[in-house]
Amino acid sequence: MRTQRIIDEIGKLPIDQRMLIIEEAIKAIRLKKTRAQLSQAAGELLPHYVSDSELTTFTDLDLEDF
């Protein structure tokens, strides 16, 4: 569906439904952006965690029963 047609169809909806569409679209955009940023950050930090055992010291306790 072309962008202009989508806009035209949304314009036919009641205001409350239009607002819902806008809110959900913004949420989806923010979520995608956040996930991309987290993925990039994890990729940048991975070499540090692989090469520096001090960063993973507490993972030795992961299987401990407290």
C-alpha atoms as a PDB file:
ATOM      1  CA  MET A   1       0.000   0.000   0.000  1.00  0.00           C
ATOM      2  CA  ARG A   2       1.350   3.409  -0.882  1.00  0.00           C
ATOM      3  CA  THR A   3       2.065   5.930   1.850  1.00  0.00           C
ATOM      4  CA  GLN A   4      -0.416   8.518   0.594  1.00  0.00           C
ATOM      5  CA  ARG A   5      -3.208   5.951   0.437  1.00  0.00           C
ATOM      6  CA  ILE A   6      -2.476   4.890   4.014  1.00  0.00           C
ATOM      7  CA  ILE A   7      -2.580   8.515   5.133  1.00  0.00           C
ATOM      8  CA  ASP A   8      -5.857   9.043   3.290  1.00  0.00           C
ATOM      9  CA  GLU A   9      -7.417   5.955   4.878  1.00  0.00           C
ATOM     10  CA  ILE A  10      -6.231   6.941   8.347  1.00  0.00           C
ATOM     11  CA  GLY A  11      -7.749  10.389   7.782  1.00  0.00           C
ATOM     12  CA  LYS A  12     -11.172   8.767   7.401  1.00  0.00           C
ATOM     13  CA  LEU A  13     -11.023   7.260  10.891  1.00  0.00           C
ATOM     14  CA  PRO A  14     -12.378   8.903  14.039  1.00  0.00           C
ATOM     15  CA  ILE A  15      -9.815  10.986  15.943  1.00  0.00           C
ATOM     16  CA  ASP A  16      -9.455   8.482  18.808  1.00  0.00           C
ATOM     17  CA  GLN A  17      -8.543   5.715  16.363  1.00  0.00           C
ATOM     18  CA  ARG A  18      -6.111   7.993  14.532  1.00  0.00           C
ATOM     19  CA  MET A  19      -4.432   8.851  17.832  1.00  0.00           C
ATOM     20  CA  LEU A  20      -4.138   5.143  18.668  1.00  0.00           C
ATOM     21  CA  ILE A  21      -2.466   4.457  15.314  1.00  0.00           C
ATOM     22  CA  ILE A  22      -0.002   7.302  15.874  1.00  0.00           C
ATOM     23  CA  GLU A  23       0.816   6.152  19.405  1.00  0.00           C
ATOM     24  CA  GLU A  24       1.367   2.544  18.333  1.00  0.00           C
ATOM     25  CA  ALA A  25       3.523   3.605  15.383  1.00  0.00           C
ATOM     26  CA  ILE A  26       5.711   5.752  17.642  1.00  0.00           C
ATOM     27  CA  LYS A  27       6.038   2.902  20.158  1.00  0.00           C
ATOM     28  CA  ALA A  28       7.107   0.525  17.393  1.00  0.00           C
ATOM     29  CA  ILE A  29       9.699   2.983  16.073  1.00  0.00           C
ATOM     30  CA  ARG A  30      11.133   3.592  19.546  1.00  0.00           C
ATOM     31  CA  LEU A  31      11.277  -0.131  20.313  1.00  0.00           C
ATOM     32  CA  LYS A  32      13.091  -0.883  17.070  1.00  0.00           C
ATOM     33  CA  LYS A  33      15.555   1.954  17.697  1.00  0.00           C
ATOM     34  CA  THR A  34      16.180   0.839  21.286  1.00  0.00           C
ATOM     35  CA  ARG A  35      16.777  -2.763  20.235  1.00  0.00           C
ATOM     36  CA  ALA A  36      19.204  -1.647  17.539  1.00  0.00           C
ATOM     37  CA  GLN A  37      21.111   0.517  20.030  1.00  0.00           C
ATOM     38  CA  LEU A  38      21.292  -2.305  22.594  1.00  0.00           C
ATOM     39  CA  SER A  39      22.465  -4.749  19.951  1.00  0.00           C
ATOM     40  CA  GLN A  40      25.174  -2.356  18.797  1.00  0.00           C
ATOM     41  CA  ALA A  41      26.317  -1.706  22.379  1.00  0.00           C
ATOM     42  CA  ALA A  42      26.455  -5.432  23.131  1.00  0.00           C
ATOM     43  CA  GLY A  43      28.529  -6.005  20.006  1.00  0.00           C
ATOM     44  CA  GLU A  44      30.941  -3.266  20.991  1.00  0.00           C
ATOM     45  CA  LEU A  45      31.348  -4.639  24.525  1.00  0.00           C
ATOM     46  CA  LEU A  46      31.682  -8.319  23.616  1.00  0.00           C
ATOM     47  CA  PRO A  47      35.454  -8.212  22.941  1.00  0.00           C
ATOM     48  CA  HIS A  48      36.009  -6.686  26.387  1.00  0.00           C
ATOM     49  CA  TYR A  49      34.045  -9.451  28.110  1.00  0.00           C
ATOM     50  CA  VAL A  50      35.889 -12.118  26.129  1.00  0.00           C
ATOM     51  CA  SER A  51      39.348 -10.761  26.924  1.00  0.00           C
ATOM     52  CA  ASP A  52      38.903  -9.415  30.478  1.00  0.00           C
ATOM     53  CA  SER A  53      37.989 -12.073  33.036  1.00  0.00           C
ATOM     54  CA  GLU A  54      37.387  -9.437  35.709  1.00  0.00           C
ATOM     55  CA  LEU A  55      34.236  -8.399  33.884  1.00  0.00           C
ATOM     56  CA  THR A  56      32.766 -11.892  34.219  1.00  0.00           C
ATOM     57  CA  THR A  57      33.921 -12.742  37.749  1.00  0.00           C
ATOM     58  CA  PHE A  58      30.421 -12.858  39.194  1.00  0.00           C
ATOM     59  CA  THR A  59      29.171 -15.261  36.518  1.00  0.00           C
ATOM     60  CA  ASP A  60      31.092 -17.966  38.389  1.00  0.00           C
ATOM     61  CA  LEU A  61      28.361 -17.690  41.015  1.00  0.00           C
ATOM     62  CA  ASP A  62      25.479 -18.146  38.573  1.00  0.00           C
ATOM     63  CA  LEU A  63      24.911 -21.799  39.474  1.00  0.00           C
ATOM     64  CA  GLU A  64      25.391 -21.353  43.224  1.00  0.00           C
ATOM     65  CA  ASP A  65      22.386 -22.067  45.417  1.00  0.00           C
ATOM     66  CA  PHE A  66      21.865 -19.230  47.864  1.00  0.00           C
END
